[in-house]
Amino acid sequence: GRGPKETVKDKSEGAADGARIQHSRLTGFDITVASEVMAVLALATDLSDLREKLGAMVVGYSKSGSPVTADDLGCGGALTVLMKDALL
C-alpha cells in the first residue's frame, strides 16, 4: 500500500552485568513515486491499464490534505509515453 510504513528496531533489553544494552527506536520508510511506477509497470495488463494506473498514482497531498494524483497534475499521459516501451 501507499504511505508511511513504521517498524520497531532493536527491541531487546541488555543485562546489567556490562553487556550491551540495546534501545528501541521507531523508524519507517515511504514508498517513493519511482518505486510505485515500477510496481504499476509490473501489474499493468496492457497500455490502457498502464495509463489508468499511472494517472491514479497519488504523488502528494494538497494543503488541505487531499490526495493529488498524476492526472490532477496533467502528467498521466506523459508518464505512459515514457513507460510504454518498457511494457511492450
N, C-alpha and C. Protein backbone atom coordinates (compact mmCIF):
# COMPACT_ATOMS: atom_id res chain seq x y z
N GLY A 1 0.80 -1.18 0.00
CA GLY A 1 0.00 0.00 0.00
C GLY A 1 0.85 1.25 0.00
N ARG A 2 0.19 2.35 -0.16
CA ARG A 2 0.88 3.64 -0.18
C ARG A 2 1.05 4.16 1.23
N GLY A 3 1.94 5.11 1.38
CA GLY A 3 2.07 5.83 2.63
C GLY A 3 3.19 5.31 3.50
N PRO A 4 3.38 6.00 4.63
CA PRO A 4 4.48 5.63 5.52
C PRO A 4 4.30 4.25 6.12
N LYS A 5 5.39 3.56 6.30
CA LYS A 5 5.39 2.26 6.95
C LYS A 5 6.24 2.41 8.21
N GLU A 6 5.76 1.91 9.35
CA GLU A 6 6.51 2.03 10.58
C GLU A 6 7.02 0.67 11.03
N THR A 7 8.23 0.66 11.56
CA THR A 7 8.81 -0.56 12.10
C THR A 7 9.52 -0.21 13.40
N VAL A 8 9.69 -1.20 14.27
CA VAL A 8 10.44 -1.00 15.51
C VAL A 8 11.71 -1.82 15.40
N LYS A 9 12.84 -1.19 15.69
CA LYS A 9 14.13 -1.85 15.61
C LYS A 9 14.74 -1.98 17.00
N ASP A 10 15.56 -3.01 17.22
CA ASP A 10 16.34 -3.19 18.44
C ASP A 10 15.47 -3.15 19.70
N LYS A 11 14.51 -4.03 19.78
CA LYS A 11 13.56 -4.01 20.88
C LYS A 11 14.08 -4.76 22.12
N SER A 12 15.19 -5.49 22.00
CA SER A 12 15.65 -6.31 23.13
C SER A 12 16.32 -5.46 24.21
N GLU A 13 16.34 -5.97 25.43
CA GLU A 13 16.97 -5.32 26.58
C GLU A 13 18.28 -6.04 26.90
N GLY A 14 19.26 -5.32 27.40
CA GLY A 14 20.55 -5.92 27.76
C GLY A 14 20.60 -6.27 29.24
N ALA A 15 21.64 -6.98 29.64
CA ALA A 15 21.82 -7.39 31.02
C ALA A 15 22.54 -6.29 31.80
N ALA A 16 22.40 -6.30 33.13
CA ALA A 16 23.01 -5.27 33.98
C ALA A 16 24.48 -5.54 34.25
N ASP A 17 25.03 -6.65 33.79
CA ASP A 17 26.42 -7.00 34.09
C ASP A 17 27.42 -6.45 33.08
N GLY A 18 27.09 -5.36 32.45
CA GLY A 18 28.00 -4.74 31.49
C GLY A 18 27.78 -5.18 30.06
N ALA A 19 26.83 -6.08 29.83
CA ALA A 19 26.54 -6.49 28.47
C ALA A 19 25.93 -5.31 27.72
N ARG A 20 26.00 -5.38 26.45
CA ARG A 20 25.46 -4.31 25.60
C ARG A 20 23.96 -4.16 25.81
N ILE A 21 23.53 -2.93 26.03
CA ILE A 21 22.11 -2.64 26.20
C ILE A 21 21.62 -2.01 24.90
N GLN A 22 20.58 -2.60 24.35
CA GLN A 22 20.01 -2.07 23.13
C GLN A 22 18.73 -1.34 23.45
N HIS A 23 18.50 -0.26 22.74
CA HIS A 23 17.32 0.56 22.97
C HIS A 23 16.39 0.47 21.77
N SER A 24 15.10 0.54 22.05
CA SER A 24 14.11 0.52 20.97
C SER A 24 14.11 1.86 20.27
N ARG A 25 13.84 1.82 18.97
CA ARG A 25 13.66 3.06 18.22
C ARG A 25 12.62 2.82 17.15
N LEU A 26 11.82 3.83 16.91
CA LEU A 26 10.79 3.75 15.88
C LEU A 26 11.37 4.33 14.61
N THR A 27 11.28 3.59 13.53
CA THR A 27 11.78 4.04 12.24
C THR A 27 10.73 3.72 11.18
N GLY A 28 10.94 4.16 9.97
CA GLY A 28 9.96 3.88 8.93
C GLY A 28 10.48 4.24 7.56
N PHE A 29 9.63 4.12 6.57
CA PHE A 29 10.00 4.45 5.21
C PHE A 29 8.75 4.84 4.44
N ASP A 30 8.93 5.57 3.38
CA ASP A 30 7.85 5.93 2.47
C ASP A 30 8.13 5.28 1.13
N ILE A 31 7.09 4.80 0.45
CA ILE A 31 7.29 4.30 -0.90
C ILE A 31 7.43 5.52 -1.81
N THR A 32 8.49 5.54 -2.60
CA THR A 32 8.70 6.68 -3.48
C THR A 32 7.88 6.52 -4.75
N VAL A 33 7.68 7.62 -5.42
CA VAL A 33 6.91 7.58 -6.67
C VAL A 33 7.60 6.66 -7.67
N ALA A 34 8.94 6.68 -7.74
CA ALA A 34 9.66 5.82 -8.69
C ALA A 34 9.38 4.34 -8.40
N SER A 35 9.34 3.96 -7.14
CA SER A 35 9.04 2.57 -6.79
C SER A 35 7.61 2.22 -7.18
N GLU A 36 6.71 3.16 -7.00
CA GLU A 36 5.31 2.90 -7.35
C GLU A 36 5.14 2.79 -8.86
N VAL A 37 5.89 3.58 -9.62
CA VAL A 37 5.84 3.47 -11.09
C VAL A 37 6.27 2.06 -11.51
N MET A 38 7.30 1.54 -10.91
CA MET A 38 7.77 0.20 -11.26
C MET A 38 6.75 -0.86 -10.84
N ALA A 39 6.08 -0.66 -9.71
CA ALA A 39 5.03 -1.59 -9.29
C ALA A 39 3.86 -1.56 -10.27
N VAL A 40 3.48 -0.36 -10.72
CA VAL A 40 2.41 -0.22 -11.71
C VAL A 40 2.80 -0.92 -13.01
N LEU A 41 4.04 -0.73 -13.43
CA LEU A 41 4.52 -1.38 -14.65
C LEU A 41 4.41 -2.90 -14.53
N ALA A 42 4.75 -3.43 -13.38
CA ALA A 42 4.70 -4.89 -13.19
C ALA A 42 3.26 -5.41 -13.19
N LEU A 43 2.31 -4.59 -12.74
CA LEU A 43 0.93 -5.05 -12.60
C LEU A 43 0.05 -4.74 -13.81
N ALA A 44 0.50 -3.85 -14.70
CA ALA A 44 -0.33 -3.44 -15.84
C ALA A 44 -0.51 -4.60 -16.82
N THR A 45 -1.74 -4.75 -17.31
CA THR A 45 -2.03 -5.84 -18.24
C THR A 45 -1.92 -5.41 -19.70
N ASP A 46 -2.10 -4.12 -19.96
CA ASP A 46 -1.94 -3.59 -21.32
C ASP A 46 -1.71 -2.08 -21.22
N LEU A 47 -1.59 -1.41 -22.36
CA LEU A 47 -1.26 0.01 -22.38
C LEU A 47 -2.35 0.86 -21.73
N SER A 48 -3.62 0.55 -21.97
CA SER A 48 -4.69 1.35 -21.36
C SER A 48 -4.74 1.15 -19.85
N ASP A 49 -4.44 -0.06 -19.39
CA ASP A 49 -4.39 -0.33 -17.96
C ASP A 49 -3.22 0.43 -17.33
N LEU A 50 -2.08 0.46 -18.03
CA LEU A 50 -0.92 1.21 -17.56
C LEU A 50 -1.27 2.68 -17.41
N ARG A 51 -1.95 3.24 -18.43
CA ARG A 51 -2.34 4.66 -18.40
C ARG A 51 -3.27 4.94 -17.22
N GLU A 52 -4.22 4.08 -16.99
CA GLU A 52 -5.17 4.26 -15.89
C GLU A 52 -4.47 4.23 -14.54
N LYS A 53 -3.59 3.24 -14.36
CA LYS A 53 -2.89 3.08 -13.09
C LYS A 53 -1.90 4.22 -12.83
N LEU A 54 -1.17 4.64 -13.86
CA LEU A 54 -0.22 5.74 -13.69
C LEU A 54 -0.95 7.04 -13.36
N GLY A 55 -2.07 7.29 -14.02
CA GLY A 55 -2.83 8.50 -13.75
C GLY A 55 -3.42 8.54 -12.35
N ALA A 56 -3.71 7.39 -11.79
CA ALA A 56 -4.33 7.31 -10.46
C ALA A 56 -3.31 7.34 -9.32
N MET A 57 -2.03 7.31 -9.63
CA MET A 57 -0.99 7.34 -8.58
C MET A 57 -1.09 8.62 -7.77
N VAL A 58 -1.05 8.47 -6.46
CA VAL A 58 -1.01 9.64 -5.58
C VAL A 58 0.45 10.07 -5.47
N VAL A 59 0.72 11.31 -5.89
CA VAL A 59 2.09 11.82 -5.89
C VAL A 59 2.34 12.84 -4.78
N GLY A 60 1.29 13.22 -4.08
CA GLY A 60 1.43 14.17 -2.98
C GLY A 60 0.07 14.50 -2.40
N TYR A 61 0.07 15.49 -1.52
CA TYR A 61 -1.16 15.92 -0.87
C TYR A 61 -1.25 17.44 -0.92
N SER A 62 -2.47 17.94 -1.07
CA SER A 62 -2.69 19.39 -1.08
C SER A 62 -2.57 19.94 0.33
N LYS A 63 -2.60 21.25 0.45
CA LYS A 63 -2.52 21.88 1.77
C LYS A 63 -3.68 21.46 2.65
N SER A 64 -4.81 21.13 2.04
CA SER A 64 -5.98 20.69 2.82
C SER A 64 -5.92 19.21 3.17
N GLY A 65 -4.89 18.50 2.66
CA GLY A 65 -4.74 17.08 2.96
C GLY A 65 -5.34 16.14 1.94
N SER A 66 -5.89 16.68 0.85
CA SER A 66 -6.48 15.85 -0.20
C SER A 66 -5.38 15.24 -1.06
N PRO A 67 -5.53 13.98 -1.48
CA PRO A 67 -4.52 13.38 -2.36
C PRO A 67 -4.48 14.06 -3.73
N VAL A 68 -3.27 14.21 -4.26
CA VAL A 68 -3.06 14.77 -5.60
C VAL A 68 -2.51 13.65 -6.47
N THR A 69 -3.20 13.36 -7.57
CA THR A 69 -2.78 12.28 -8.47
C THR A 69 -1.99 12.81 -9.65
N ALA A 70 -1.36 11.92 -10.37
CA ALA A 70 -0.63 12.30 -11.58
C ALA A 70 -1.58 12.94 -12.60
N ASP A 71 -2.80 12.44 -12.71
CA ASP A 71 -3.78 13.04 -13.62
C ASP A 71 -4.18 14.44 -13.17
N ASP A 72 -4.25 14.67 -11.86
CA ASP A 72 -4.55 16.02 -11.36
C ASP A 72 -3.49 17.02 -11.83
N LEU A 73 -2.26 16.55 -11.97
CA LEU A 73 -1.16 17.41 -12.44
C LEU A 73 -1.06 17.43 -13.95
N GLY A 74 -1.86 16.60 -14.62
CA GLY A 74 -1.84 16.55 -16.08
C GLY A 74 -0.66 15.82 -16.67
N CYS A 75 -0.07 14.89 -15.90
CA CYS A 75 1.11 14.20 -16.42
C CYS A 75 0.92 12.68 -16.54
N GLY A 76 -0.29 12.17 -16.38
CA GLY A 76 -0.54 10.73 -16.53
C GLY A 76 -0.21 10.23 -17.92
N GLY A 77 -0.59 11.00 -18.93
CA GLY A 77 -0.29 10.62 -20.32
C GLY A 77 1.20 10.64 -20.62
N ALA A 78 1.89 11.66 -20.11
CA ALA A 78 3.34 11.75 -20.32
C ALA A 78 4.07 10.58 -19.66
N LEU A 79 3.63 10.21 -18.47
CA LEU A 79 4.22 9.04 -17.80
C LEU A 79 4.01 7.78 -18.63
N THR A 80 2.84 7.65 -19.22
CA THR A 80 2.53 6.48 -20.03
C THR A 80 3.43 6.42 -21.26
N VAL A 81 3.64 7.55 -21.90
CA VAL A 81 4.52 7.60 -23.08
C VAL A 81 5.94 7.18 -22.69
N LEU A 82 6.41 7.65 -21.54
CA LEU A 82 7.76 7.29 -21.09
C LEU A 82 7.89 5.80 -20.78
N MET A 83 6.80 5.19 -20.28
CA MET A 83 6.88 3.80 -19.82
C MET A 83 6.36 2.78 -20.85
N LYS A 84 5.77 3.23 -21.96
CA LYS A 84 5.13 2.27 -22.89
C LYS A 84 6.13 1.29 -23.49
N ASP A 85 7.34 1.73 -23.79
CA ASP A 85 8.33 0.82 -24.37
C ASP A 85 8.77 -0.25 -23.37
N ALA A 86 8.74 0.08 -22.09
CA ALA A 86 9.09 -0.92 -21.08
C ALA A 86 8.01 -1.98 -20.96
N LEU A 87 6.77 -1.61 -21.27
CA LEU A 87 5.65 -2.55 -21.18
C LEU A 87 5.62 -3.49 -22.38
N LEU A 88 5.90 -2.96 -23.54
CA LEU A 88 5.74 -3.74 -24.78
C LEU A 88 6.97 -4.51 -25.16
